[in-house]
Amino acid sequence: MSRAAEDTNRRMLRARDAMDRAYAEPLDVPALARIAHVSEAHFTRTFRATFGETPHRYLQRRRIERAMFLLRETDRSATDICYEVGFGSLGTFSRTFRAIVGIGPREYRRSAVAANVPTCFAMAWTRPSSALPSPDPR
């Protein structure tokens, strides 16, 4: 790898690390380009070539990943989570969540809660009642 390619990769990693650290803050391409010490157009083009997605999409995905964790692990409202992870509106959050995850935040929370049920209980709930053993008549 050439020295120029290493330098470019280092600059893109610096910007990506900034997005990982400050995902909830308002980050835009000009600010990220300044972090990488390149022009805005060059930054967008190079980021996509390096990581396979645009800076905007990467930031959205990081925010949704954090929201998924909060939906699974807390009982906070989707609205609170939406603003905490850096979205400016609930509609944009829900639309982006569905586009990335495939289901909406509420559906995700319900399925994540159901997935946390121990397997032995989940199996008992899904078996027909005739399959359950009858109580001992003694």
C-alpha atoms as a PDB file:
ATOM      1  CA  MET A   1       0.000   0.000   0.000  1.00  0.00           C
ATOM      2  CA  SER A   2       1.381   3.400  -0.909  1.00  0.00           C
ATOM      3  CA  ARG A   3       2.047   6.112   1.604  1.00  0.00           C
ATOM      4  CA  ALA A   4      -0.698   8.269   0.036  1.00  0.00           C
ATOM      5  CA  ALA A   5      -3.260   5.455   0.392  1.00  0.00           C
ATOM      6  CA  GLU A   6      -2.266   4.928   4.032  1.00  0.00           C
ATOM      7  CA  ASP A   7      -2.647   8.640   4.685  1.00  0.00           C
ATOM      8  CA  THR A   8      -6.108   8.671   3.049  1.00  0.00           C
ATOM      9  CA  ASN A   9      -7.221   5.635   5.065  1.00  0.00           C
ATOM     10  CA  ARG A  10      -5.981   7.247   8.272  1.00  0.00           C
ATOM     11  CA  ARG A  11      -7.945  10.412   7.496  1.00  0.00           C
ATOM     12  CA  MET A  12     -11.140   8.440   6.804  1.00  0.00           C
ATOM     13  CA  LEU A  13     -10.692   6.402   9.983  1.00  0.00           C
ATOM     14  CA  ARG A  14     -10.270   9.627  11.956  1.00  0.00           C
ATOM     15  CA  ALA A  15     -13.619  10.898  10.646  1.00  0.00           C
ATOM     16  CA  ARG A  16     -15.350   7.542  11.199  1.00  0.00           C
ATOM     17  CA  ASP A  17     -14.034   7.397  14.767  1.00  0.00           C
ATOM     18  CA  ALA A  18     -15.440  10.891  15.354  1.00  0.00           C
ATOM     19  CA  MET A  19     -18.841   9.659  14.115  1.00  0.00           C
ATOM     20  CA  ASP A  20     -18.644   6.639  16.426  1.00  0.00           C
ATOM     21  CA  ARG A  21     -17.835   8.834  19.427  1.00  0.00           C
ATOM     22  CA  ALA A  22     -20.272  11.670  18.748  1.00  0.00           C
ATOM     23  CA  TYR A  23     -23.097   9.891  16.874  1.00  0.00           C
ATOM     24  CA  ALA A  24     -25.788  11.762  18.826  1.00  0.00           C
ATOM     25  CA  GLU A  25     -24.395  15.194  17.993  1.00  0.00           C
ATOM     26  CA  PRO A  26     -25.298  17.052  14.819  1.00  0.00           C
ATOM     27  CA  LEU A  27     -22.548  16.010  12.414  1.00  0.00           C
ATOM     28  CA  ASP A  28     -22.536  17.103   8.815  1.00  0.00           C
ATOM     29  CA  VAL A  29     -20.227  16.504   5.866  1.00  0.00           C
ATOM     30  CA  PRO A  30     -18.408  19.854   6.183  1.00  0.00           C
ATOM     31  CA  ALA A  31     -17.517  19.135   9.826  1.00  0.00           C
ATOM     32  CA  LEU A  32     -16.401  15.585   9.025  1.00  0.00           C
ATOM     33  CA  ALA A  33     -14.375  16.772   6.039  1.00  0.00           C
ATOM     34  CA  ARG A  34     -12.584  19.235   8.332  1.00  0.00           C
ATOM     35  CA  ILE A  35     -11.751  16.385  10.722  1.00  0.00           C
ATOM     36  CA  ALA A  36     -10.298  14.409   7.798  1.00  0.00           C
ATOM     37  CA  HIS A  37      -8.520  17.525   6.427  1.00  0.00           C
ATOM     38  CA  VAL A  38     -10.005  17.142   2.923  1.00  0.00           C
ATOM     39  CA  SER A  39     -12.637  18.904   0.815  1.00  0.00           C
ATOM     40  CA  GLU A  40     -16.297  17.963   1.267  1.00  0.00           C
ATOM     41  CA  ALA A  41     -16.626  16.350  -2.169  1.00  0.00           C
ATOM     42  CA  HIS A  42     -13.403  14.402  -1.764  1.00  0.00           C
ATOM     43  CA  PHE A  43     -14.442  13.292   1.710  1.00  0.00           C
ATOM     44  CA  THR A  44     -17.809  11.930   0.584  1.00  0.00           C
ATOM     45  CA  ARG A  45     -16.313  10.150  -2.418  1.00  0.00           C
ATOM     46  CA  THR A  46     -13.378   8.677  -0.485  1.00  0.00           C
ATOM     47  CA  PHE A  47     -15.451   7.662   2.551  1.00  0.00           C
ATOM     48  CA  ARG A  48     -17.822   5.720   0.328  1.00  0.00           C
ATOM     49  CA  ALA A  49     -14.959   4.058  -1.539  1.00  0.00           C
ATOM     50  CA  THR A  50     -13.255   3.131   1.741  1.00  0.00           C
ATOM     51  CA  PHE A  51     -16.249   1.933   3.804  1.00  0.00           C
ATOM     52  CA  GLY A  52     -18.853   1.034   1.170  1.00  0.00           C
ATOM     53  CA  GLU A  53     -21.492   3.553   2.278  1.00  0.00           C
ATOM     54  CA  THR A  54     -21.901   7.304   2.433  1.00  0.00           C
ATOM     55  CA  PRO A  55     -20.992   9.165   5.629  1.00  0.00           C
ATOM     56  CA  HIS A  56     -24.663  10.042   6.160  1.00  0.00           C
ATOM     57  CA  ARG A  57     -25.767   6.408   5.884  1.00  0.00           C
ATOM     58  CA  TYR A  58     -22.968   5.256   8.190  1.00  0.00           C
ATOM     59  CA  LEU A  59     -24.017   7.799  10.818  1.00  0.00           C
ATOM     60  CA  GLN A  60     -27.677   6.792  10.506  1.00  0.00           C
ATOM     61  CA  ARG A  61     -26.752   3.124  10.930  1.00  0.00           C
ATOM     62  CA  ARG A  62     -24.665   3.841  14.043  1.00  0.00           C
ATOM     63  CA  ARG A  63     -27.569   5.804  15.538  1.00  0.00           C
ATOM     64  CA  ILE A  64     -30.023   3.005  14.787  1.00  0.00           C
ATOM     65  CA  GLU A  65     -27.660   0.399  16.294  1.00  0.00           C
ATOM     66  CA  ARG A  66     -27.594   2.422  19.512  1.00  0.00           C
ATOM     67  CA  ALA A  67     -31.380   2.833  19.416  1.00  0.00           C
ATOM     68  CA  MET A  68     -31.769  -0.937  19.017  1.00  0.00           C
ATOM     69  CA  PHE A  69     -29.726  -1.457  22.176  1.00  0.00           C
ATOM     70  CA  LEU A  70     -31.777   1.102  24.111  1.00  0.00           C
ATOM     71  CA  LEU A  71     -35.068  -0.397  22.907  1.00  0.00           C
ATOM     72  CA  ARG A  72     -33.940  -3.849  24.057  1.00  0.00           C
ATOM     73  CA  GLU A  73     -32.349  -2.899  27.354  1.00  0.00           C
ATOM     74  CA  THR A  74     -34.460  -0.015  28.677  1.00  0.00           C
ATOM     75  CA  ASP A  75     -38.133   0.806  29.000  1.00  0.00           C
ATOM     76  CA  ARG A  76     -37.675   4.387  27.797  1.00  0.00           C
ATOM     77  CA  SER A  77     -40.055   5.648  25.146  1.00  0.00           C
ATOM     78  CA  ALA A  78     -39.160   5.505  21.474  1.00  0.00           C
ATOM     79  CA  THR A  79     -39.456   9.302  21.398  1.00  0.00           C
ATOM     80  CA  ASP A  80     -36.840   9.723  24.136  1.00  0.00           C
ATOM     81  CA  ILE A  81     -34.543   7.248  22.394  1.00  0.00           C
ATOM     82  CA  CYS A  82     -35.064   8.995  19.058  1.00  0.00           C
ATOM     83  CA  TYR A  83     -33.749  12.301  20.412  1.00  0.00           C
ATOM     84  CA  GLU A  84     -31.010  10.715  22.518  1.00  0.00           C
ATOM     85  CA  VAL A  85     -29.394   9.004  19.535  1.00  0.00           C
ATOM     86  CA  GLY A  86     -29.406  12.184  17.469  1.00  0.00           C
ATOM     87  CA  PHE A  87     -32.542  12.200  15.304  1.00  0.00           C
ATOM     88  CA  GLY A  88     -34.449  15.470  15.038  1.00  0.00           C
ATOM     89  CA  SER A  89     -37.899  13.974  14.517  1.00  0.00           C
ATOM     90  CA  LEU A  90     -39.746  10.817  15.444  1.00  0.00           C
ATOM     91  CA  GLY A  91     -40.953  10.365  11.857  1.00  0.00           C
ATOM     92  CA  THR A  92     -37.431  10.371  10.437  1.00  0.00           C
ATOM     93  CA  PHE A  93     -36.290   8.030  13.204  1.00  0.00           C
ATOM     94  CA  SER A  94     -39.114   5.543  12.562  1.00  0.00           C
ATOM     95  CA  ARG A  95     -38.675   5.635   8.778  1.00  0.00           C
ATOM     96  CA  THR A  96     -34.900   5.176   9.027  1.00  0.00           C
ATOM     97  CA  PHE A  97     -35.264   2.433  11.643  1.00  0.00           C
ATOM     98  CA  ARG A  98     -37.660   0.510   9.396  1.00  0.00           C
ATOM     99  CA  ALA A  99     -35.397   0.969   6.353  1.00  0.00           C
ATOM    100  CA  ILE A 100     -32.346  -0.394   8.190  1.00  0.00           C
ATOM    101  CA  VAL A 101     -33.870  -3.024  10.504  1.00  0.00           C
ATOM    102  CA  GLY A 102     -36.876  -4.095   8.445  1.00  0.00           C
ATOM    103  CA  ILE A 103     -39.442  -3.443  11.175  1.00  0.00           C
ATOM    104  CA  GLY A 104     -40.478  -0.387  13.185  1.00  0.00           C
ATOM    105  CA  PRO A 105     -39.140   0.482  16.660  1.00  0.00           C
ATOM    106  CA  ARG A 106     -42.260  -0.756  18.495  1.00  0.00           C
ATOM    107  CA  GLU A 107     -42.258  -4.062  16.647  1.00  0.00           C
ATOM    108  CA  TYR A 108     -38.535  -4.410  17.302  1.00  0.00           C
ATOM    109  CA  ARG A 109     -38.995  -3.825  21.031  1.00  0.00           C
ATOM    110  CA  ARG A 110     -41.804  -6.417  21.196  1.00  0.00           C
ATOM    111  CA  SER A 111     -39.763  -9.023  19.321  1.00  0.00           C
ATOM    112  CA  ALA A 112     -36.660  -8.287  21.401  1.00  0.00           C
ATOM    113  CA  VAL A 113     -38.637  -8.732  24.645  1.00  0.00           C
ATOM    114  CA  ALA A 114     -40.082 -12.002  23.369  1.00  0.00           C
ATOM    115  CA  ALA A 115     -36.593 -13.188  22.455  1.00  0.00           C
ATOM    116  CA  ASN A 116     -35.438 -12.645  26.059  1.00  0.00           C
ATOM    117  CA  VAL A 117     -37.903 -15.214  27.409  1.00  0.00           C
ATOM    118  CA  PRO A 118     -36.079 -18.413  28.441  1.00  0.00           C
ATOM    119  CA  THR A 119     -36.504 -21.151  25.855  1.00  0.00           C
ATOM    120  CA  CYS A 120     -38.153 -23.591  28.283  1.00  0.00           C
ATOM    121  CA  PHE A 121     -40.967 -21.070  28.942  1.00  0.00           C
ATOM    122  CA  ALA A 122     -41.324 -20.078  25.309  1.00  0.00           C
ATOM    123  CA  MET A 123     -41.669 -23.732  24.312  1.00  0.00           C
ATOM    124  CA  ALA A 124     -44.358 -24.290  26.970  1.00  0.00           C
ATOM    125  CA  TRP A 125     -46.308 -21.286  25.705  1.00  0.00           C
ATOM    126  CA  THR A 126     -46.220 -22.441  22.106  1.00  0.00           C
ATOM    127  CA  ARG A 127     -47.204 -26.085  22.784  1.00  0.00           C
ATOM    128  CA  PRO A 128     -50.884 -26.962  22.533  1.00  0.00           C
ATOM    129  CA  SER A 129     -52.398 -27.608  25.952  1.00  0.00           C
ATOM    130  CA  SER A 130     -53.066 -31.247  25.041  1.00  0.00           C
ATOM    131  CA  ALA A 131     -49.321 -31.762  24.660  1.00  0.00           C
ATOM    132  CA  LEU A 132     -48.641 -30.662  28.224  1.00  0.00           C
ATOM    133  CA  PRO A 133     -48.413 -33.427  30.794  1.00  0.00           C
ATOM    134  CA  SER A 134     -51.433 -33.784  33.037  1.00  0.00           C
ATOM    135  CA  PRO A 135     -50.942 -33.228  36.765  1.00  0.00           C
ATOM    136  CA  ASP A 136     -50.181 -36.265  38.867  1.00  0.00           C
ATOM    137  CA  PRO A 137     -53.552 -37.543  40.263  1.00  0.00           C
ATOM    138  CA  ARG A 138     -52.074 -38.679  43.642  1.00  0.00           C
END
